N, C-alpha and C. Protein backbone atom coordinates (compact mmCIF):
# COMPACT_ATOMS: atom_id res chain seq x y z
N MET A 1 84.83 90.50 98.86
CA MET A 1 83.63 91.55 98.97
C MET A 1 84.00 92.72 98.19
N PHE A 2 85.07 93.46 98.61
CA PHE A 2 85.41 95.31 98.31
C PHE A 2 85.56 94.59 96.82
N LEU A 3 86.37 93.92 96.28
CA LEU A 3 86.54 94.03 94.88
C LEU A 3 85.42 94.05 94.53
N SER A 4 84.61 93.43 94.42
CA SER A 4 82.88 93.28 93.43
C SER A 4 82.46 94.45 93.25
N SER A 5 82.50 95.30 95.13
CA SER A 5 81.70 96.38 95.32
C SER A 5 82.43 97.54 94.35
N LEU A 6 83.78 97.75 94.34
CA LEU A 6 84.20 98.39 93.83
C LEU A 6 84.20 98.24 91.95
N PHE A 7 84.14 97.25 91.66
CA PHE A 7 84.30 97.02 89.97
C PHE A 7 83.12 97.16 89.51
N SER A 8 82.34 96.58 90.05
CA SER A 8 80.72 96.09 89.37
C SER A 8 80.03 97.30 89.12
N SER A 9 80.27 98.74 89.56
CA SER A 9 79.66 99.81 88.74
C SER A 9 79.94 100.20 87.80
N SER A 10 81.40 100.13 87.35
CA SER A 10 81.84 100.41 85.81
C SER A 10 81.63 99.24 85.04
N SER A 11 81.20 99.61 83.95
CA SER A 11 81.13 98.69 82.64
C SER A 11 81.78 99.45 81.48
N CYS A 12 81.87 98.50 80.75
CA CYS A 12 82.80 99.01 79.36
C CYS A 12 82.08 100.09 78.50
N HIS A 13 82.78 100.54 78.01
CA HIS A 13 82.03 101.66 76.99
C HIS A 13 82.74 102.08 75.84
N VAL A 14 83.98 101.43 75.48
CA VAL A 14 84.75 101.44 74.40
C VAL A 14 83.99 100.83 73.22
N PRO A 15 83.84 101.75 71.98
CA PRO A 15 83.71 100.67 70.95
C PRO A 15 84.63 99.64 70.20
N GLN A 16 84.40 98.96 69.26
CA GLN A 16 85.39 98.01 68.63
C GLN A 16 86.32 99.01 67.92
N SER A 17 85.89 100.12 66.88
CA SER A 17 86.66 101.36 66.76
C SER A 17 87.87 101.62 67.54
N GLY A 18 87.56 101.73 69.27
CA GLY A 18 88.23 102.60 69.81
C GLY A 18 89.30 101.80 70.13
N LEU A 19 89.22 100.22 70.39
CA LEU A 19 89.88 99.21 70.90
C LEU A 19 90.71 98.96 69.45
N ASP A 20 90.43 99.05 68.36
CA ASP A 20 91.36 98.57 67.23
C ASP A 20 92.21 100.00 67.40
N TRP A 21 91.75 101.23 67.49
CA TRP A 21 92.54 102.54 67.61
C TRP A 21 93.73 101.96 68.59
N THR A 22 93.28 101.70 69.45
CA THR A 22 94.25 101.77 70.90
C THR A 22 95.31 100.19 70.71
N ILE A 23 95.11 99.65 70.30
CA ILE A 23 95.92 98.30 69.54
C ILE A 23 96.86 98.77 68.55
N GLU A 24 96.52 99.51 67.54
CA GLU A 24 97.05 99.75 66.32
C GLU A 24 98.20 101.07 67.32
N LYS A 25 97.68 102.12 67.60
CA LYS A 25 98.12 103.41 68.53
C LYS A 25 99.50 103.06 69.39
N TYR A 26 99.12 102.14 70.18
CA TYR A 26 100.10 101.82 71.15
C TYR A 26 100.84 100.33 71.08
N ARG A 27 100.53 99.77 69.94
CA ARG A 27 101.40 98.55 69.28
C ARG A 27 101.31 97.31 70.10
N ILE A 28 99.89 97.16 70.77
CA ILE A 28 99.57 95.97 71.69
C ILE A 28 99.58 94.80 70.93
N PRO A 29 100.24 93.99 71.35
CA PRO A 29 100.61 92.74 69.89
C PRO A 29 99.79 92.02 70.29
N SER A 30 99.33 91.24 69.17
CA SER A 30 98.28 90.58 68.67
C SER A 30 98.17 89.30 69.08
N SER A 31 99.04 88.89 69.85
CA SER A 31 99.75 87.20 70.51
C SER A 31 98.55 87.67 72.15
N LEU A 32 98.45 88.97 72.49
CA LEU A 32 97.62 88.90 73.52
C LEU A 32 96.34 88.92 73.58
N ASN A 33 95.68 88.91 72.43
CA ASN A 33 94.35 88.30 72.21
C ASN A 33 93.54 89.68 72.88
N SER A 34 93.69 90.56 72.55
CA SER A 34 92.96 91.86 72.93
C SER A 34 91.68 91.66 72.40
N VAL A 35 90.20 91.88 73.21
CA VAL A 35 89.05 91.55 73.16
C VAL A 35 88.24 92.80 73.95
N LEU A 36 87.39 93.22 73.94
CA LEU A 36 86.18 93.86 74.25
C LEU A 36 85.29 93.08 75.30
N PRO A 37 85.17 93.15 76.54
CA PRO A 37 84.25 92.66 77.42
C PRO A 37 82.93 92.80 76.61
N GLU A 38 81.82 91.26 76.96
CA GLU A 38 80.41 91.57 76.46
C GLU A 38 80.03 92.74 77.03
N ASN A 39 78.72 93.01 76.37
CA ASN A 39 78.03 94.26 77.07
C ASN A 39 77.74 93.86 78.34
N ASP A 40 77.83 95.58 78.84
CA ASP A 40 77.77 95.73 80.54
C ASP A 40 78.14 94.63 81.31
N THR A 41 79.38 94.44 80.94
CA THR A 41 80.50 93.47 81.90
C THR A 41 81.20 94.47 82.61
N ALA A 42 81.26 93.97 84.04
CA ALA A 42 82.30 95.07 84.60
C ALA A 42 83.80 94.37 84.53
N ILE A 43 84.71 95.58 85.01
CA ILE A 43 86.01 94.60 84.48
C ILE A 43 86.52 93.45 85.78
N TYR A 44 85.50 93.42 86.81
CA TYR A 44 85.74 92.58 88.25
C TYR A 44 84.31 91.68 87.84
N PRO A 45 84.30 90.19 88.10
CA PRO A 45 84.96 89.58 88.57
C PRO A 45 85.79 89.03 87.26
N PHE A 46 87.33 89.22 87.58
CA PHE A 46 88.14 88.83 86.22
C PHE A 46 88.01 87.40 85.64
N LYS A 47 87.77 87.45 84.56
CA LYS A 47 87.87 86.21 83.56
C LYS A 47 88.53 85.14 83.42
N PRO A 48 88.76 83.82 83.51
CA PRO A 48 89.84 83.19 83.62
C PRO A 48 90.94 83.43 82.42
N GLY A 49 91.81 83.38 82.69
CA GLY A 49 92.86 83.48 81.41
C GLY A 49 92.87 85.12 80.91
N LYS A 50 92.23 86.31 81.29
CA LYS A 50 91.94 87.44 81.19
C LYS A 50 92.58 88.52 82.56
N ILE A 51 92.94 89.99 81.64
CA ILE A 51 93.14 90.79 82.55
C ILE A 51 92.14 92.19 82.24
N GLY A 52 91.72 93.16 83.10
CA GLY A 52 91.36 94.39 82.57
C GLY A 52 92.09 95.20 82.22
N ILE A 53 92.22 96.01 81.64
CA ILE A 53 93.48 97.46 81.32
C ILE A 53 92.76 98.54 80.54
N TYR A 54 92.68 99.54 81.58
CA TYR A 54 92.19 100.55 81.64
C TYR A 54 92.77 101.51 80.16
N THR A 55 92.04 101.96 79.12
CA THR A 55 92.61 102.49 77.97
C THR A 55 93.41 104.17 78.89
N ARG A 56 93.22 104.56 79.49
CA ARG A 56 93.39 105.93 80.22
C ARG A 56 94.93 105.52 80.73
N MET A 57 95.43 104.22 80.82
CA MET A 57 96.84 104.08 81.40
C MET A 57 98.02 104.47 80.16
N PHE A 58 97.21 104.29 79.02
CA PHE A 58 97.97 104.10 77.87
C PHE A 58 98.14 105.81 77.13
N ASP A 59 96.51 106.55 77.59
CA ASP A 59 96.46 108.04 76.87
C ASP A 59 97.42 109.02 77.78
N TYR A 60 97.54 108.60 78.96
CA TYR A 60 97.94 109.47 79.80
C TYR A 60 99.38 109.43 80.78
N PHE A 61 99.56 107.77 80.69
CA PHE A 61 100.77 107.35 81.71
C PHE A 61 101.59 107.00 81.37
N ASN A 62 101.39 107.05 79.87
CA ASN A 62 102.70 106.29 78.95
C ASN A 62 102.90 104.58 79.28
N TYR A 63 101.99 103.93 79.50
CA TYR A 63 102.21 102.56 79.73
C TYR A 63 101.86 101.68 78.34
N ARG A 64 102.52 100.70 78.50
CA ARG A 64 102.99 99.97 77.36
C ARG A 64 102.30 98.13 77.92
N LEU A 65 101.99 97.27 76.97
CA LEU A 65 102.03 96.03 77.22
C LEU A 65 103.51 95.01 76.37
N LEU A 66 103.99 94.40 76.60
CA LEU A 66 104.04 93.97 78.09
C LEU A 66 104.46 94.87 79.28
N LEU A 67 103.83 94.41 80.62
CA LEU A 67 104.13 95.34 81.68
C LEU A 67 105.56 95.14 81.81
N THR A 68 106.14 96.44 82.33
CA THR A 68 107.58 96.28 83.05
C THR A 68 107.63 95.54 83.92
N LYS A 69 108.98 95.25 84.38
CA LYS A 69 109.03 93.83 85.62
C LYS A 69 109.15 95.21 86.64
N PHE A 70 109.74 96.12 86.86
CA PHE A 70 109.67 97.17 87.81
C PHE A 70 108.06 97.18 88.42
N LEU A 71 107.18 97.56 87.40
CA LEU A 71 105.80 97.82 87.61
C LEU A 71 105.22 96.48 88.15
N VAL A 72 105.65 95.24 87.78
CA VAL A 72 105.08 94.01 88.31
C VAL A 72 105.68 93.76 89.60
N ASP A 73 107.39 93.89 89.86
CA ASP A 73 107.64 94.11 90.99
C ASP A 73 107.02 94.95 92.24
N VAL A 74 106.22 96.07 91.75
CA VAL A 74 105.77 97.27 92.77
C VAL A 74 104.34 96.91 93.17
N LEU A 75 103.53 96.18 92.27
CA LEU A 75 102.18 95.38 92.46
C LEU A 75 102.74 94.22 92.91
N MET A 76 103.46 93.53 92.96
CA MET A 76 103.59 92.29 93.75
C MET A 76 103.72 92.45 94.98
N PHE A 77 104.74 93.71 95.45
CA PHE A 77 104.90 94.00 96.54
C PHE A 77 103.99 94.44 97.50
N HIS A 78 103.14 95.12 96.97
CA HIS A 78 101.63 95.72 97.37
C HIS A 78 100.52 94.94 97.49
N GLN A 79 100.70 93.52 96.70
CA GLN A 79 99.44 92.79 96.61
C GLN A 79 98.20 93.04 96.20
N VAL A 80 98.70 93.94 94.95
CA VAL A 80 97.30 94.40 94.16
C VAL A 80 97.18 94.22 92.57
N GLN A 81 96.47 94.20 92.13
CA GLN A 81 96.02 93.97 90.94
C GLN A 81 96.32 95.11 90.06
N LEU A 82 96.59 94.90 88.74
CA LEU A 82 96.66 96.56 87.98
C LEU A 82 95.47 97.14 87.90
N SER A 83 94.52 96.51 87.49
CA SER A 83 92.76 97.09 87.64
C SER A 83 92.62 97.51 89.11
N GLN A 84 93.33 97.51 90.22
CA GLN A 84 92.75 98.07 91.38
C GLN A 84 93.47 99.64 91.53
N MET A 85 94.56 99.59 90.63
CA MET A 85 95.18 101.17 91.10
C MET A 85 94.60 102.17 90.63
N ASN A 86 94.66 103.51 90.85
CA ASN A 86 94.16 104.45 90.57
C ASN A 86 95.26 105.16 89.26
N SER A 87 94.86 105.70 88.12
CA SER A 87 95.70 105.78 87.40
C SER A 87 96.89 107.03 87.75
N PHE A 88 96.79 107.46 88.31
CA PHE A 88 97.53 108.73 89.12
C PHE A 88 98.66 107.92 89.87
N GLY A 89 98.28 107.15 90.68
CA GLY A 89 99.24 106.10 91.32
C GLY A 89 100.16 105.64 90.20
N LEU A 90 99.68 105.10 89.12
CA LEU A 90 100.34 104.30 88.13
C LEU A 90 101.32 105.17 87.34
N ALA A 91 100.93 106.15 87.43
CA ALA A 91 101.82 107.34 86.53
C ALA A 91 102.93 107.37 87.32
N LYS A 92 102.80 107.88 89.04
CA LYS A 92 103.97 107.75 89.68
C LYS A 92 105.02 106.92 89.25
N VAL A 93 104.21 105.67 89.47
CA VAL A 93 105.62 104.44 89.25
C VAL A 93 106.16 104.65 87.91
N CYS A 94 105.38 104.90 86.99
CA CYS A 94 105.91 105.45 85.72
C CYS A 94 106.97 106.24 85.43
N HIS A 95 106.73 107.56 85.89
CA HIS A 95 107.45 108.65 86.35
C HIS A 95 108.88 108.47 86.95
N PHE A 96 108.69 107.81 88.06
CA PHE A 96 109.97 107.02 89.06
C PHE A 96 110.70 106.05 87.61
N GLU A 97 109.94 104.97 87.08
CA GLU A 97 111.09 104.27 86.50
C GLU A 97 111.30 104.85 85.19
N LEU A 98 110.87 106.04 84.50
CA LEU A 98 111.44 106.72 83.40
C LEU A 98 112.68 107.34 83.88
N SER A 99 112.62 107.86 84.94
CA SER A 99 113.45 109.08 85.49
C SER A 99 114.86 108.10 85.70
N CYS A 100 114.42 107.02 86.44
CA CYS A 100 115.83 106.30 86.67
C CYS A 100 116.75 105.41 85.18
N ARG A 101 115.62 105.07 84.51
CA ARG A 101 116.47 105.17 83.39
C ARG A 101 116.79 106.26 82.71
N GLY A 102 116.38 106.96 82.76
CA GLY A 102 116.84 108.40 82.45
C GLY A 102 118.13 108.89 82.73
N LEU A 103 118.63 108.49 83.87
CA LEU A 103 119.42 108.95 84.64
C LEU A 103 120.54 107.50 84.44
N ASP A 104 120.44 106.73 83.50
CA ASP A 104 120.95 105.25 83.33
C ASP A 104 121.29 104.44 84.61
N SER A 105 120.06 104.01 85.09
CA SER A 105 119.78 103.14 86.66
C SER A 105 118.76 102.47 86.38
N ASP A 106 118.90 101.36 87.18
CA ASP A 106 117.53 100.56 87.28
C ASP A 106 116.84 100.92 88.09
N PRO A 107 115.49 100.78 88.02
CA PRO A 107 114.76 101.12 89.26
C PRO A 107 114.74 100.10 90.49
N ASP A 108 114.58 100.98 91.48
CA ASP A 108 114.46 100.21 92.85
C ASP A 108 113.66 100.17 93.53
N LEU A 109 112.81 99.32 93.84
CA LEU A 109 111.40 98.66 94.75
C LEU A 109 111.88 99.97 96.15
N ASP A 110 112.80 99.40 96.79
CA ASP A 110 113.02 100.10 97.86
C ASP A 110 113.51 102.06 97.73
N VAL A 111 113.89 102.09 97.00
CA VAL A 111 114.28 103.50 96.91
C VAL A 111 112.56 104.11 96.12
N PHE A 112 112.01 103.61 95.43
CA PHE A 112 110.57 104.09 95.07
C PHE A 112 109.77 104.30 96.39
N ARG A 113 110.19 103.40 97.39
CA ARG A 113 109.18 103.34 98.38
C ARG A 113 109.84 104.48 99.66
N ALA A 114 110.69 104.96 99.38
CA ALA A 114 111.61 105.98 100.18
C ALA A 114 110.76 107.36 99.68
N PHE A 115 110.21 107.47 98.05
CA PHE A 115 109.49 108.60 97.63
C PHE A 115 108.00 108.66 97.82
N TYR A 116 107.42 107.47 97.83
CA TYR A 116 106.16 107.38 97.66
C TYR A 116 105.97 106.13 98.82
N ARG A 117 104.30 106.63 99.10
CA ARG A 117 103.87 105.64 99.74
C ARG A 117 102.51 104.98 99.51
N PHE A 118 102.30 103.39 99.57
CA PHE A 118 101.20 102.93 99.25
C PHE A 118 99.88 103.85 100.16
N ASN A 119 98.74 103.65 99.51
CA ASN A 119 97.67 104.35 100.09
C ASN A 119 96.51 104.05 99.58
N ARG A 120 95.27 104.16 100.17
CA ARG A 120 93.90 103.41 99.58
C ARG A 120 93.38 105.03 99.38
N THR A 121 92.92 105.48 98.37
CA THR A 121 92.12 106.77 98.03
C THR A 121 90.70 106.23 97.56
N GLY A 122 89.58 106.34 98.37
CA GLY A 122 88.55 105.82 97.87
C GLY A 122 88.14 104.77 97.67
N ASP A 123 87.56 103.71 96.70
CA ASP A 123 87.82 102.88 96.13
C ASP A 123 88.97 102.24 95.81
N TRP A 124 89.87 102.96 95.64
CA TRP A 124 91.12 102.66 94.71
C TRP A 124 92.67 102.48 95.32
N TYR A 125 93.61 102.04 95.12
CA TYR A 125 94.50 102.03 95.39
C TYR A 125 96.02 103.45 94.94
N THR A 126 96.60 104.19 95.55
CA THR A 126 97.15 104.46 94.77
C THR A 126 98.87 104.67 95.50
N PHE A 127 99.71 105.91 95.11
CA PHE A 127 100.73 106.13 95.70
C PHE A 127 100.81 107.53 95.91
N GLU A 128 100.99 108.11 97.21
CA GLU A 128 101.31 109.11 97.76
C GLU A 128 102.71 109.85 97.92
N VAL A 129 103.07 111.03 97.27
CA VAL A 129 104.52 111.18 98.27
C VAL A 129 104.55 111.65 99.13
N ARG A 130 106.11 110.84 99.94
CA ARG A 130 106.08 110.74 101.40
C ARG A 130 106.17 112.16 101.45
N ASN A 131 107.12 112.85 101.12
CA ASN A 131 107.83 114.28 101.38
C ASN A 131 107.41 115.26 100.17
N LYS A 132 106.35 115.91 100.50
CA LYS A 132 106.02 117.07 99.17
C LYS A 132 107.18 117.82 98.51
N ASN A 133 108.30 117.84 99.46
CA ASN A 133 109.55 118.98 98.73
C ASN A 133 110.57 117.97 98.43
N ALA A 134 110.46 116.53 97.74
CA ALA A 134 111.03 115.69 97.08
C ALA A 134 110.35 114.84 96.29
N THR A 135 109.73 115.41 95.36
CA THR A 135 108.97 114.82 93.84
C THR A 135 109.76 114.21 93.24
N CYS A 136 109.73 113.22 92.46
CA CYS A 136 110.35 113.02 91.18
C CYS A 136 110.01 113.72 89.96
N PHE A 137 108.82 114.37 89.93
CA PHE A 137 107.95 115.14 88.55
C PHE A 137 107.53 116.34 89.16
N SER A 138 107.60 117.26 88.34
CA SER A 138 107.00 118.61 88.58
C SER A 138 105.65 119.00 88.16
N TRP A 139 105.25 117.88 87.48
CA TRP A 139 103.54 117.78 87.09
C TRP A 139 103.10 116.65 86.46
N ILE A 140 101.78 117.02 86.80
CA ILE A 140 100.96 115.39 86.43
C ILE A 140 99.52 116.24 86.13
N THR A 141 98.99 115.58 85.62
CA THR A 141 97.48 115.60 85.11
C THR A 141 96.67 115.79 86.17
N SER A 142 95.59 116.09 86.36
CA SER A 142 95.10 116.20 88.17
C SER A 142 93.61 115.71 87.80
N SER A 143 93.47 115.41 86.57
CA SER A 143 91.76 115.11 86.53
C SER A 143 91.96 114.31 85.05
N ILE A 144 90.92 113.32 85.08
CA ILE A 144 90.65 112.23 84.25
C ILE A 144 89.48 112.25 84.22
N LYS A 145 88.22 112.65 83.14
CA LYS A 145 86.95 111.97 83.07
C LYS A 145 86.64 110.67 82.52
N ASN A 146 85.97 109.82 83.11
CA ASN A 146 85.41 108.75 82.53
C ASN A 146 86.68 107.74 82.44
N TRP A 147 87.05 107.63 83.08
CA TRP A 147 88.81 106.76 82.92
C TRP A 147 88.10 105.23 83.44
N LYS A 148 87.29 105.39 84.42
CA LYS A 148 86.80 103.63 85.04
C LYS A 148 86.02 102.59 83.86
N ASP A 149 85.69 103.27 82.93
CA ASP A 149 84.33 103.00 81.92
C ASP A 149 85.28 102.48 80.62
N ARG A 150 86.47 102.90 80.54
CA ARG A 150 86.99 102.80 79.15
C ARG A 150 88.21 101.64 79.18
N PHE A 151 88.11 100.27 79.39
CA PHE A 151 88.92 99.18 79.54
C PHE A 151 88.91 97.98 78.57
N PHE A 152 89.43 97.13 78.08
CA PHE A 152 89.21 96.08 77.25
C PHE A 152 90.45 94.57 78.58
N LEU A 153 90.18 93.90 77.28
CA LEU A 153 90.79 92.38 78.46
C LEU A 153 92.13 92.01 77.22
N VAL A 154 92.92 91.46 78.31
CA VAL A 154 94.03 90.98 77.55
C VAL A 154 94.22 89.43 78.01
N ASP A 155 95.01 88.46 77.86
CA ASP A 155 95.57 87.58 77.84
C ASP A 155 96.28 87.93 79.44
N ASP A 156 96.21 86.91 80.54
CA ASP A 156 96.67 87.79 81.46
C ASP A 156 98.07 86.69 81.64
N ARG A 157 98.94 86.51 80.28
CA ARG A 157 100.53 86.17 80.25
C ARG A 157 101.11 87.70 80.38
N CYS A 158 100.56 88.73 80.29
CA CYS A 158 101.37 90.15 80.09
C CYS A 158 101.83 90.25 81.51
N ILE A 159 101.26 89.86 82.59
CA ILE A 159 102.10 89.97 83.70
C ILE A 159 102.34 88.64 84.19
N SER A 160 103.24 89.00 85.37
CA SER A 160 103.51 87.62 86.21
C SER A 160 102.71 86.70 86.53
N SER A 161 102.70 85.44 86.33
CA SER A 161 101.78 84.40 86.80
C SER A 161 101.50 84.34 88.59
N LYS A 162 102.45 85.30 89.12
CA LYS A 162 102.27 85.34 90.89
C LYS A 162 101.15 86.40 90.74
N MET A 163 100.80 87.24 89.79
CA MET A 163 99.90 88.26 90.04
C MET A 163 98.37 87.68 89.52
N ALA A 164 98.71 87.17 88.49
CA ALA A 164 97.14 86.60 87.95
C ALA A 164 96.31 85.91 88.98
């Protein structure tokens, strides 16, 4: 019930040229069979064998397909789908992982959870800083317009079978 109300108001507004540009710019493998949903189709309910990917995740938060093992581990731990997450929460996961890799360390879920707590914000899930004095980054975009209506579908094999 929650999922259907969450996603039913967002339908895709990406033209084919926008999808082609996204695929080329972010080097999305053709083997993932990226497609636009049919007209006025919401991101949920999920189509068998496909998942929805918001384009703003690439534009603003440096996500790439295939998804990293750390991101999949975080989502599986919290039992949420990628398309249920607020882009700002995903940015925190990405920044944490990049910071760890920049320090020549593997990202660790327990350490991530020491910095961030999982929270619901409106209809979306996100991660909030546990201690405002201990952040992993100093600046993040604070506003994105129309991010929920810019998505496309890819084969669900880009994520763990346990999440699909």
